[in-house]
Amino acid sequence: MFDAFSKIDGGGSGRDANDNNRIELDEWLAGWQGVRSHGFVVLAAVTTKEQAKEVFGIIDDNGGGVVLLDEWCSFIKKGEISAGTAVGSLLCMEE
């Protein structure tokens, strides 16, 4: 989850000076396609820019205009559990 988040945050391939530990809408719209293949069903399901805009609003669960790492992880966790994936099975063990 962190790898995918970091890929979008700052627009780089990893941690660098442009990272601020949050994803803004413009970063998300520029980078969502690059994380579709990270193995999470909720990210792979985003196939259009319009969907990407909608998903950003869902991930940003407090409406703050930015996605923080905890919101990101919570979104992915819920999606994996709902889809009944192997990752979801592991993530629901903590509940």
Protein backbone atom coordinates (compact mmCIF):
# COMPACT_ATOMS: atom_id res chain seq x y z
CA MET A 1 0.00 0.00 0.00
CA PHE A 2 2.81 2.38 0.89
CA ASP A 3 4.61 1.70 -2.39
CA ALA A 4 1.55 2.65 -4.41
CA PHE A 5 0.95 5.72 -2.24
CA SER A 6 4.57 6.82 -2.60
CA LYS A 7 4.46 6.39 -6.35
CA ILE A 8 1.69 8.97 -6.59
CA ASP A 9 2.80 11.33 -3.81
CA GLY A 10 5.08 13.89 -5.42
CA GLY A 11 4.78 12.25 -8.82
CA GLY A 12 8.02 10.30 -8.42
CA SER A 13 8.82 6.64 -8.39
CA GLY A 14 9.68 6.69 -4.70
CA ARG A 15 10.48 9.04 -1.85
CA ASP A 16 12.00 12.38 -2.88
CA ALA A 17 11.89 16.10 -2.10
CA ASN A 18 8.49 16.50 -3.81
CA ASP A 19 6.77 14.15 -1.35
CA ASN A 20 4.65 15.59 1.44
CA ASN A 21 2.93 12.42 2.71
CA ARG A 22 -0.36 13.30 1.10
CA ILE A 23 -1.90 12.94 -2.33
CA GLU A 24 -3.62 15.93 -3.86
CA LEU A 25 -6.18 15.58 -6.63
CA ASP A 26 -3.77 16.72 -9.35
CA GLU A 27 -1.19 14.13 -8.22
CA TRP A 28 -3.86 11.41 -8.20
CA LEU A 29 -5.11 12.32 -11.67
CA ALA A 30 -1.55 12.31 -12.99
CA GLY A 31 -0.62 9.00 -11.35
CA TRP A 32 -3.63 6.72 -10.85
CA GLN A 33 -2.85 4.66 -13.95
CA GLY A 34 0.60 3.86 -12.60
CA VAL A 35 -0.78 2.04 -9.55
CA ARG A 36 -3.52 0.00 -11.23
CA SER A 37 -1.12 -2.96 -11.45
CA HIS A 38 -0.05 -2.92 -7.80
CA GLY A 39 -2.30 -5.92 -7.07
CA PHE A 40 -5.22 -4.23 -5.29
CA VAL A 41 -8.66 -4.77 -6.79
CA VAL A 42 -9.94 -1.30 -5.90
CA LEU A 43 -7.06 0.34 -7.76
CA ALA A 44 -7.29 -1.99 -10.74
CA ALA A 45 -11.00 -1.20 -11.05
CA VAL A 46 -10.33 2.45 -11.84
CA THR A 47 -10.27 2.62 -15.63
CA THR A 48 -11.21 6.20 -16.56
CA LYS A 49 -10.29 9.69 -15.47
CA GLU A 50 -13.90 10.27 -14.42
CA GLN A 51 -13.79 7.20 -12.17
CA ALA A 52 -10.46 8.39 -10.80
CA LYS A 53 -12.05 11.70 -9.76
CA GLU A 54 -14.91 9.86 -8.03
CA VAL A 55 -12.56 7.45 -6.29
CA PHE A 56 -10.44 10.32 -4.98
CA GLY A 57 -13.53 11.66 -3.20
CA ILE A 58 -14.20 8.24 -1.71
CA ILE A 59 -10.63 7.77 -0.52
CA ASP A 60 -10.63 11.27 0.99
CA ASP A 61 -13.14 10.14 3.60
CA ASN A 62 -12.94 13.31 5.70
CA GLY A 63 -13.39 15.65 2.71
CA GLY A 64 -10.15 17.49 3.43
CA GLY A 65 -9.14 17.71 -0.24
CA VAL A 66 -6.09 15.51 0.19
CA VAL A 67 -5.60 11.79 0.72
CA LEU A 68 -3.48 10.82 3.69
CA LEU A 69 -1.79 7.45 4.05
CA ASP A 70 -4.29 6.22 6.64
CA GLU A 71 -7.21 7.05 4.32
CA TRP A 72 -5.41 5.34 1.44
CA CYS A 73 -4.79 2.17 3.43
CA SER A 74 -8.32 2.10 4.82
CA PHE A 75 -9.79 2.40 1.32
CA ILE A 76 -7.65 -0.43 -0.03
CA LYS A 77 -8.29 -2.60 3.02
CA LYS A 78 -12.07 -2.20 2.75
CA GLY A 79 -11.98 -2.96 -0.96
CA GLU A 80 -9.87 -6.07 -0.56
CA ILE A 81 -12.05 -7.39 2.27
CA SER A 82 -15.25 -6.66 0.31
CA ALA A 83 -13.87 -8.43 -2.76
CA GLY A 84 -12.88 -11.47 -0.71
CA THR A 85 -9.31 -11.46 -1.97
CA ALA A 86 -6.44 -13.30 -0.31
CA VAL A 87 -5.03 -9.96 0.83
CA GLY A 88 -8.45 -9.06 2.20
CA SER A 89 -8.51 -12.31 4.18
CA LEU A 90 -5.23 -11.37 5.81
CA LEU A 91 -6.29 -7.79 6.49
CA CYS A 92 -9.57 -8.74 8.13
CA MET A 93 -7.76 -10.89 10.70
CA GLU A 94 -6.92 -7.78 12.72
CA GLU A 95 -10.57 -6.89 13.24
